[in-house]
């Protein structure tokens, strides 16, 4: 099963043809006689897909360039609560 999931990561494999947890469960049950439940297979497939994703975006700012963050908040202005914008 892990080999199939690993092969699904290739960029040339269409999304519609990738192995789902349901398909993997049915194949394990039908071809290998596994008697366990669907949930354990689903959890395994999910953990494999999560561990393969990068969770960061490297930032590179050449000299002379800057980065700014924008946001909003509720603040009290003149005794009234108002939504304000800010940048950092």
PDB file of N, CA and C in Angstrom:
ATOM      1  N   UNK A   1       0.824  -1.184   0.000  1.00  0.00           N
ATOM      2  CA  UNK A   1       0.000   0.000   0.000  1.00  0.00           C
ATOM      3  C   UNK A   1       0.867   1.246   0.000  1.00  0.00           C
ATOM      4  N   UNK A   2       1.940   1.257   0.779  1.00  0.00           N
ATOM      5  CA  UNK A   2       2.806   2.430   0.817  1.00  0.00           C
ATOM      6  C   UNK A   2       3.452   2.709  -0.538  1.00  0.00           C
ATOM      7  N   UNK A   3       3.779   1.653  -1.278  1.00  0.00           N
ATOM      8  CA  UNK A   3       4.373   1.853  -2.608  1.00  0.00           C
ATOM      9  C   UNK A   3       3.385   2.559  -3.537  1.00  0.00           C
ATOM     10  N   UNK A   4       2.103   2.202  -3.457  1.00  0.00           N
ATOM     11  CA  UNK A   4       1.094   2.868  -4.275  1.00  0.00           C
ATOM     12  C   UNK A   4       0.948   4.329  -3.891  1.00  0.00           C
ATOM     13  N   UNK A   5       0.941   4.608  -2.593  1.00  0.00           N
ATOM     14  CA  UNK A   5       0.814   5.991  -2.135  1.00  0.00           C
ATOM     15  C   UNK A   5       2.030   6.812  -2.541  1.00  0.00           C
ATOM     16  N   UNK A   6       3.196   6.198  -2.485  1.00  0.00           N
ATOM     17  CA  UNK A   6       4.427   6.883  -2.895  1.00  0.00           C
ATOM     18  C   UNK A   6       4.398   7.192  -4.388  1.00  0.00           C
ATOM     19  N   UNK A   7       3.927   6.249  -5.189  1.00  0.00           N
ATOM     20  CA  UNK A   7       3.845   6.457  -6.635  1.00  0.00           C
ATOM     21  C   UNK A   7       2.847   7.555  -6.984  1.00  0.00           C
ATOM     22  N   UNK A   8       1.830   7.740  -6.156  1.00  0.00           N
ATOM     23  CA  UNK A   8       0.827   8.779  -6.398  1.00  0.00           C
ATOM     24  C   UNK A   8       1.394  10.186  -6.290  1.00  0.00           C
ATOM     25  N   UNK A   9       2.532  10.338  -5.646  1.00  0.00           N
ATOM     26  CA  UNK A   9       3.129  11.671  -5.484  1.00  0.00           C
ATOM     27  C   UNK A   9       3.741  12.209  -6.767  1.00  0.00           C
ATOM     28  N   UNK A  10       3.959  11.347  -7.748  1.00  0.00           N
ATOM     29  CA  UNK A  10       4.569  11.782  -9.004  1.00  0.00           C
ATOM     30  C   UNK A  10       3.693  12.846  -9.664  1.00  0.00           C
ATOM     31  N   UNK A  11       4.298  13.891 -10.198  1.00  0.00           N
ATOM     32  CA  UNK A  11       3.505  14.978 -10.773  1.00  0.00           C
ATOM     33  C   UNK A  11       2.700  14.574 -12.006  1.00  0.00           C
ATOM     34  N   UNK A  12       3.068  13.481 -12.667  1.00  0.00           N
ATOM     35  CA  UNK A  12       2.353  13.079 -13.877  1.00  0.00           C
ATOM     36  C   UNK A  12       1.142  12.191 -13.587  1.00  0.00           C
ATOM     37  N   UNK A  13       0.878  11.871 -12.304  1.00  0.00           N
ATOM     38  CA  UNK A  13      -0.286  11.053 -11.947  1.00  0.00           C
ATOM     39  C   UNK A  13      -1.486  11.981 -11.770  1.00  0.00           C
ATOM     40  N   UNK A  14      -2.532  11.822 -12.596  1.00  0.00           N
ATOM     41  CA  UNK A  14      -3.714  12.674 -12.449  1.00  0.00           C
ATOM     42  C   UNK A  14      -4.382  12.477 -11.084  1.00  0.00           C
ATOM     43  N   UNK A  15      -4.942  13.537 -10.546  1.00  0.00           N
ATOM     44  CA  UNK A  15      -5.562  13.493  -9.220  1.00  0.00           C
ATOM     45  C   UNK A  15      -6.653  12.435  -9.161  1.00  0.00           C
ATOM     46  N   UNK A  16      -7.434  12.315 -10.219  1.00  0.00           N
ATOM     47  CA  UNK A  16      -8.548  11.358 -10.238  1.00  0.00           C
ATOM     48  C   UNK A  16      -8.081   9.905 -10.218  1.00  0.00           C
ATOM     49  N   UNK A  17      -6.801   9.652 -10.492  1.00  0.00           N
ATOM     50  CA  UNK A  17      -6.301   8.284 -10.539  1.00  0.00           C
ATOM     51  C   UNK A  17      -5.474   7.909  -9.310  1.00  0.00           C
ATOM     52  N   UNK A  18      -5.411   8.773  -8.340  1.00  0.00           N
ATOM     53  CA  UNK A  18      -4.635   8.481  -7.144  1.00  0.00           C
ATOM     54  C   UNK A  18      -5.423   7.567  -6.220  1.00  0.00           C
ATOM     55  N   UNK A  19      -4.712   6.845  -5.389  1.00  0.00           N
ATOM     56  CA  UNK A  19      -5.327   5.880  -4.483  1.00  0.00           C
ATOM     57  C   UNK A  19      -5.991   6.600  -3.306  1.00  0.00           C
ATOM     58  N   UNK A  20      -7.237   6.305  -3.058  1.00  0.00           N
ATOM     59  CA  UNK A  20      -7.950   6.864  -1.913  1.00  0.00           C
ATOM     60  C   UNK A  20      -7.879   5.865  -0.763  1.00  0.00           C
ATOM     61  N   UNK A  21      -8.245   6.324   0.422  1.00  0.00           N
ATOM     62  CA  UNK A  21      -8.271   5.433   1.576  1.00  0.00           C
ATOM     63  C   UNK A  21      -9.302   4.326   1.367  1.00  0.00           C
ATOM     64  N   UNK A  22     -10.455   4.676   0.791  1.00  0.00           N
ATOM     65  CA  UNK A  22     -11.505   3.681   0.556  1.00  0.00           C
ATOM     66  C   UNK A  22     -11.023   2.607  -0.415  1.00  0.00           C
ATOM     67  N   UNK A  23     -10.392   3.030  -1.493  1.00  0.00           N
ATOM     68  CA  UNK A  23      -9.904   2.073  -2.486  1.00  0.00           C
ATOM     69  C   UNK A  23      -8.825   1.185  -1.872  1.00  0.00           C
ATOM     70  N   UNK A  24      -7.933   1.781  -1.092  1.00  0.00           N
ATOM     71  CA  UNK A  24      -6.869   1.003  -0.454  1.00  0.00           C
ATOM     72  C   UNK A  24      -7.452  -0.019   0.517  1.00  0.00           C
ATOM     73  N   UNK A  25      -8.459   0.401   1.290  1.00  0.00           N
ATOM     74  CA  UNK A  25      -9.106  -0.509   2.233  1.00  0.00           C
ATOM     75  C   UNK A  25      -9.747  -1.688   1.506  1.00  0.00           C
ATOM     76  N   UNK A  26     -10.498  -1.392   0.445  1.00  0.00           N
ATOM     77  CA  UNK A  26     -11.170  -2.465  -0.300  1.00  0.00           C
ATOM     78  C   UNK A  26     -10.163  -3.430  -0.923  1.00  0.00           C
ATOM     79  N   UNK A  27      -9.063  -2.894  -1.418  1.00  0.00           N
ATOM     80  CA  UNK A  27      -8.040  -3.749  -2.019  1.00  0.00           C
ATOM     81  C   UNK A  27      -7.377  -4.637  -0.966  1.00  0.00           C
ATOM     82  N   UNK A  28      -7.052  -4.059   0.188  1.00  0.00           N
ATOM     83  CA  UNK A  28      -6.461  -4.861   1.261  1.00  0.00           C
ATOM     84  C   UNK A  28      -7.417  -5.959   1.712  1.00  0.00           C
ATOM     85  N   UNK A  29      -8.693  -5.624   1.827  1.00  0.00           N
ATOM     86  CA  UNK A  29      -9.701  -6.599   2.257  1.00  0.00           C
ATOM     87  C   UNK A  29      -9.887  -7.697   1.209  1.00  0.00           C
ATOM     88  N   UNK A  30     -10.056  -7.319  -0.056  1.00  0.00           N
ATOM     89  CA  UNK A  30     -10.373  -8.282  -1.105  1.00  0.00           C
ATOM     90  C   UNK A  30      -9.167  -9.118  -1.543  1.00  0.00           C
ATOM     91  N   UNK A  31      -8.008  -8.474  -1.689  1.00  0.00           N
ATOM     92  CA  UNK A  31      -6.840  -9.177  -2.229  1.00  0.00           C
ATOM     93  C   UNK A  31      -5.982  -9.838  -1.159  1.00  0.00           C
ATOM     94  N   UNK A  32      -5.996  -9.289   0.053  1.00  0.00           N
ATOM     95  CA  UNK A  32      -5.087  -9.800   1.082  1.00  0.00           C
ATOM     96  C   UNK A  32      -5.812 -10.355   2.306  1.00  0.00           C
ATOM     97  N   UNK A  33      -7.133 -10.271   2.319  1.00  0.00           N
ATOM     98  CA  UNK A  33      -7.899 -10.850   3.418  1.00  0.00           C
ATOM     99  C   UNK A  33      -7.769 -10.122   4.736  1.00  0.00           C
ATOM    100  N   UNK A  34      -7.406  -8.859   4.702  1.00  0.00           N
ATOM    101  CA  UNK A  34      -7.272  -8.085   5.935  1.00  0.00           C
ATOM    102  C   UNK A  34      -8.652  -7.960   6.586  1.00  0.00           C
ATOM    103  N   UNK A  35      -8.731  -8.182   7.884  1.00  0.00           N
ATOM    104  CA  UNK A  35     -10.018  -8.136   8.577  1.00  0.00           C
ATOM    105  C   UNK A  35     -10.179  -6.877   9.417  1.00  0.00           C
ATOM    106  N   UNK A  36      -9.192  -6.003   9.400  1.00  0.00           N
ATOM    107  CA  UNK A  36      -9.273  -4.767  10.178  1.00  0.00           C
ATOM    108  C   UNK A  36     -10.313  -3.813   9.611  1.00  0.00           C
ATOM    109  N   UNK A  37     -10.491  -2.686  10.282  1.00  0.00           N
ATOM    110  CA  UNK A  37     -11.491  -1.712   9.885  1.00  0.00           C
ATOM    111  C   UNK A  37     -10.947  -0.643   8.950  1.00  0.00           C
ATOM    112  N   UNK A  38     -11.873   0.092   8.378  1.00  0.00           N
ATOM    113  CA  UNK A  38     -11.554   1.161   7.437  1.00  0.00           C
ATOM    114  C   UNK A  38     -10.785   2.289   8.119  1.00  0.00           C
ATOM    115  N   UNK A  39     -11.118   2.601   9.363  1.00  0.00           N
ATOM    116  CA  UNK A  39     -10.537   3.751  10.049  1.00  0.00           C
ATOM    117  C   UNK A  39      -9.019   3.668  10.144  1.00  0.00           C
ATOM    118  N   UNK A  40      -8.484   2.505  10.419  1.00  0.00           N
ATOM    119  CA  UNK A  40      -7.024   2.383  10.540  1.00  0.00           C
ATOM    120  C   UNK A  40      -6.346   2.648   9.207  1.00  0.00           C
ATOM    121  N   UNK A  41      -6.965   2.216   8.111  1.00  0.00           N
ATOM    122  CA  UNK A  41      -6.408   2.473   6.777  1.00  0.00           C
ATOM    123  C   UNK A  41      -6.509   3.962   6.470  1.00  0.00           C
ATOM    124  N   UNK A  42      -7.652   4.557   6.760  1.00  0.00           N
ATOM    125  CA  UNK A  42      -7.858   5.987   6.507  1.00  0.00           C
ATOM    126  C   UNK A  42      -6.824   6.819   7.276  1.00  0.00           C
ATOM    127  N   UNK A  43      -6.598   6.494   8.537  1.00  0.00           N
ATOM    128  CA  UNK A  43      -5.628   7.228   9.350  1.00  0.00           C
ATOM    129  C   UNK A  43      -4.220   7.087   8.792  1.00  0.00           C
ATOM    130  N   UNK A  44      -3.879   5.898   8.315  1.00  0.00           N
ATOM    131  CA  UNK A  44      -2.551   5.678   7.752  1.00  0.00           C
ATOM    132  C   UNK A  44      -2.367   6.490   6.469  1.00  0.00           C
ATOM    133  N   UNK A  45      -3.357   6.454   5.587  1.00  0.00           N
ATOM    134  CA  UNK A  45      -3.273   7.219   4.329  1.00  0.00           C
ATOM    135  C   UNK A  45      -3.158   8.709   4.635  1.00  0.00           C
ATOM    136  N   UNK A  46      -3.926   9.189   5.595  1.00  0.00           N
ATOM    137  CA  UNK A  46      -3.879  10.605   5.970  1.00  0.00           C
ATOM    138  C   UNK A  46      -2.515  10.985   6.529  1.00  0.00           C
ATOM    139  N   UNK A  47      -1.945  10.145   7.377  1.00  0.00           N
ATOM    140  CA  UNK A  47      -0.634  10.465   7.946  1.00  0.00           C
ATOM    141  C   UNK A  47       0.447  10.480   6.876  1.00  0.00           C
ATOM    142  N   UNK A  48       0.346   9.605   5.883  1.00  0.00           N
ATOM    143  CA  UNK A  48       1.318   9.591   4.791  1.00  0.00           C
ATOM    144  C   UNK A  48       1.217  10.855   3.946  1.00  0.00           C
ATOM    145  N   UNK A  49      -0.006  11.324   3.694  1.00  0.00           N
ATOM    146  CA  UNK A  49      -0.153  12.510   2.858  1.00  0.00           C
ATOM    147  C   UNK A  49       0.276  13.766   3.609  1.00  0.00           C
ATOM    148  N   UNK A  50       0.065  13.801   4.909  1.00  0.00           N
ATOM    149  CA  UNK A  50       0.491  14.962   5.692  1.00  0.00           C
ATOM    150  C   UNK A  50       2.002  15.042   5.803  1.00  0.00           C
ATOM    151  N   UNK A  51       2.644  13.900   5.960  1.00  0.00           N
ATOM    152  CA  UNK A  51       4.094  13.920   6.139  1.00  0.00           C
ATOM    153  C   UNK A  51       4.830  14.261   4.856  1.00  0.00           C
ATOM    154  N   UNK A  52       4.134  14.211   3.727  1.00  0.00           N
ATOM    155  CA  UNK A  52       4.813  14.482   2.461  1.00  0.00           C
ATOM    156  C   UNK A  52       4.738  15.945   2.044  1.00  0.00           C
ATOM    157  N   UNK A  53       3.951  16.746   2.746  1.00  0.00           N
ATOM    158  CA  UNK A  53       3.802  18.146   2.383  1.00  0.00           C
ATOM    159  C   UNK A  53       4.787  19.018   3.141  1.00  0.00           C
ATOM    160  N   UNK A  54       5.323  20.025   2.466  1.00  0.00           N
ATOM    161  CA  UNK A  54       6.159  20.989   3.160  1.00  0.00           C
ATOM    162  C   UNK A  54       5.248  21.973   3.870  1.00  0.00           C
ATOM    163  N   UNK A  55       5.648  22.385   5.049  1.00  0.00           N
ATOM    164  CA  UNK A  55       4.805  23.263   5.844  1.00  0.00           C
ATOM    165  C   UNK A  55       5.402  24.661   5.977  1.00  0.00           C
ATOM    166  N   UNK A  56       6.286  25.038   5.070  1.00  0.00           N
ATOM    167  CA  UNK A  56       6.887  26.361   5.146  1.00  0.00           C
ATOM    168  C   UNK A  56       7.153  26.870   3.738  1.00  0.00           C
ATOM    169  N   UNK A  57       7.325  28.171   3.643  1.00  0.00           N
ATOM    170  CA  UNK A  57       7.688  28.804   2.379  1.00  0.00           C
ATOM    171  C   UNK A  57       8.942  29.626   2.633  1.00  0.00           C
ATOM    172  N   UNK A  58      10.053  29.239   2.055  1.00  0.00           N
ATOM    173  CA  UNK A  58      11.277  30.003   2.293  1.00  0.00           C
ATOM    174  C   UNK A  58      11.151  31.411   1.719  1.00  0.00           C
ATOM    175  N   UNK A  59      11.613  32.380   2.471  1.00  0.00           N
ATOM    176  CA  UNK A  59      11.567  33.768   2.037  1.00  0.00           C
ATOM    177  C   UNK A  59      12.966  34.255   1.729  1.00  0.00           C
ATOM    178  N   UNK A  60      13.074  34.993   0.651  1.00  0.00           N
ATOM    179  CA  UNK A  60      14.359  35.582   0.273  1.00  0.00           C
ATOM    180  C   UNK A  60      14.085  37.003  -0.180  1.00  0.00           C
ATOM    181  N   UNK A  61      14.717  37.959   0.460  1.00  0.00           N
ATOM    182  CA  UNK A  61      14.535  39.361   0.105  1.00  0.00           C
ATOM    183  C   UNK A  61      15.888  39.945  -0.270  1.00  0.00           C
ATOM    184  N   UNK A  62      16.091  40.234  -1.552  1.00  0.00           N
ATOM    185  CA  UNK A  62      17.363  40.832  -1.960  1.00  0.00           C
ATOM    186  C   UNK A  62      17.515  42.223  -1.357  1.00  0.00           C
ATOM    187  N   UNK A  63      18.734  42.709  -1.255  1.00  0.00           N
ATOM    188  CA  UNK A  63      18.958  44.047  -0.696  1.00  0.00           C
ATOM    189  C   UNK A  63      18.127  45.095  -1.447  1.00  0.00           C
ATOM    190  N   UNK A  64      17.526  45.992  -0.681  1.00  0.00           N
ATOM    191  CA  UNK A  64      16.716  47.050  -1.274  1.00  0.00           C
ATOM    192  C   UNK A  64      15.241  46.709  -1.381  1.00  0.00           C
ATOM    193  N   UNK A  65      14.864  45.493  -1.048  1.00  0.00           N
ATOM    194  CA  UNK A  65      13.463  45.099  -1.083  1.00  0.00           C
ATOM    195  C   UNK A  65      12.971  44.918   0.350  1.00  0.00           C
ATOM    196  N   UNK A  66      11.671  45.084   0.545  1.00  0.00           N
ATOM    197  CA  UNK A  66      11.108  44.980   1.885  1.00  0.00           C
ATOM    198  C   UNK A  66       9.879  44.080   1.867  1.00  0.00           C
ATOM    199  N   UNK A  67       9.450  43.691   3.036  1.00  0.00           N
ATOM    200  CA  UNK A  67       8.248  42.887   3.197  1.00  0.00           C
ATOM    201  C   UNK A  67       7.347  43.605   4.194  1.00  0.00           C
ATOM    202  N   UNK A  68       6.045  43.605   3.915  1.00  0.00           N
ATOM    203  CA  UNK A  68       5.089  44.232   4.816  1.00  0.00           C
ATOM    204  C   UNK A  68       3.934  43.272   5.069  1.00  0.00           C
ATOM    205  N   UNK A  69       3.413  43.293   6.256  1.00  0.00           N
ATOM    206  CA  UNK A  69       2.242  42.509   6.624  1.00  0.00           C
ATOM    207  C   UNK A  69       1.101  43.467   6.911  1.00  0.00           C
ATOM    208  N   UNK A  70      -0.089  43.116   6.463  1.00  0.00           N
ATOM    209  CA  UNK A  70      -1.266  43.949   6.663  1.00  0.00           C
ATOM    210  C   UNK A  70      -2.301  43.160   7.445  1.00  0.00           C
ATOM    211  N   UNK A  71      -3.083  43.872   8.213  1.00  0.00           N
ATOM    212  CA  UNK A  71      -4.124  43.205   8.978  1.00  0.00           C
ATOM    213  C   UNK A  71      -5.168  44.182   9.450  1.00  0.00           C
ATOM    214  N   UNK A  72      -6.081  43.693  10.252  1.00  0.00           N
ATOM    215  CA  UNK A  72      -7.137  44.529  10.800  1.00  0.00           C
ATOM    216  C   UNK A  72      -7.435  44.120  12.221  1.00  0.00           C
ATOM    217  N   UNK A  73      -8.021  45.040  12.962  1.00  0.00           N
ATOM    218  CA  UNK A  73      -8.361  44.761  14.354  1.00  0.00           C
ATOM    219  C   UNK A  73      -9.493  45.693  14.762  1.00  0.00           C
ATOM    220  N   UNK A  74     -10.089  45.398  15.896  1.00  0.00           N
ATOM    221  CA  UNK A  74     -11.104  46.284  16.474  1.00  0.00           C
ATOM    222  C   UNK A  74     -10.418  47.085  17.571  1.00  0.00           C
ATOM    223  N   UNK A  75     -10.558  48.406  17.506  1.00  0.00           N
ATOM    224  CA  UNK A  75      -9.911  49.272  18.486  1.00  0.00           C
ATOM    225  C   UNK A  75     -10.915  50.309  18.967  1.00  0.00           C
ATOM    226  N   UNK A  76     -10.630  50.870  20.124  1.00  0.00           N
ATOM    227  CA  UNK A  76     -11.474  51.942  20.644  1.00  0.00           C
ATOM    228  C   UNK A  76     -10.875  53.268  20.206  1.00  0.00           C
ATOM    229  N   UNK A  77     -11.641  54.002  19.399  1.00  0.00           N
ATOM    230  CA  UNK A  77     -11.187  55.283  18.866  1.00  0.00           C
ATOM    231  C   UNK A  77     -12.220  56.337  19.259  1.00  0.00           C
ATOM    232  N   UNK A  78     -11.798  57.301  20.052  1.00  0.00           N
ATOM    233  CA  UNK A  78     -12.715  58.362  20.477  1.00  0.00           C
ATOM    234  C   UNK A  78     -13.892  57.831  21.278  1.00  0.00           C
ATOM    235  N   UNK A  79     -13.686  56.765  22.043  1.00  0.00           N
ATOM    236  CA  UNK A  79     -14.742  56.201  22.861  1.00  0.00           C
ATOM    237  C   UNK A  79     -15.642  55.228  22.115  1.00  0.00           C
ATOM    238  N   UNK A  80     -15.412  55.005  20.822  1.00  0.00           N
ATOM    239  CA  UNK A  80     -16.212  54.055  20.044  1.00  0.00           C
ATOM    240  C   UNK A  80     -15.326  52.907  19.540  1.00  0.00           C
ATOM    241  N   UNK A  81     -15.929  51.723  19.446  1.00  0.00           N
ATOM    242  CA  UNK A  81     -15.192  50.575  18.905  1.00  0.00           C
ATOM    243  C   UNK A  81     -15.299  50.608  17.385  1.00  0.00           C
ATOM    244  N   UNK A  82     -14.143  50.603  16.712  1.00  0.00           N
ATOM    245  CA  UNK A  82     -14.125  50.662  15.262  1.00  0.00           C
ATOM    246  C   UNK A  82     -13.122  49.651  14.718  1.00  0.00           C
ATOM    247  N   UNK A  83     -13.391  49.207  13.521  1.00  0.00           N
ATOM    248  CA  UNK A  83     -12.452  48.318  12.847  1.00  0.00           C
ATOM    249  C   UNK A  83     -11.379  49.185  12.190  1.00  0.00           C
ATOM    250  N   UNK A  84     -10.122  48.861  12.483  1.00  0.00           N
ATOM    251  CA  UNK A  84      -9.012  49.648  11.944  1.00  0.00           C
ATOM    252  C   UNK A  84      -8.053  48.723  11.188  1.00  0.00           C
ATOM    253  N   UNK A  85      -7.369  49.293  10.222  1.00  0.00           N
ATOM    254  CA  UNK A  85      -6.359  48.565   9.459  1.00  0.00           C
ATOM    255  C   UNK A  85      -4.978  48.952   9.952  1.00  0.00           C
ATOM    256  N   UNK A  86      -4.042  48.029   9.829  1.00  0.00           N
ATOM    257  CA  UNK A  86      -2.677  48.342  10.229  1.00  0.00           C
ATOM    258  C   UNK A  86      -1.702  47.583   9.322  1.00  0.00           C
ATOM    259  N   UNK A  87      -0.461  48.041   9.334  1.00  0.00           N
ATOM    260  CA  UNK A  87       0.599  47.349   8.598  1.00  0.00           C
ATOM    261  C   UNK A  87       1.835  47.324   9.482  1.00  0.00           C
ATOM    262  N   UNK A  88       2.632  46.318   9.246  1.00  0.00           N
ATOM    263  CA  UNK A  88       3.857  46.172  10.044  1.00  0.00           C
ATOM    264  C   UNK A  88       5.029  45.945   9.129  1.00  0.00           C
TER     265      UNK A  88
END
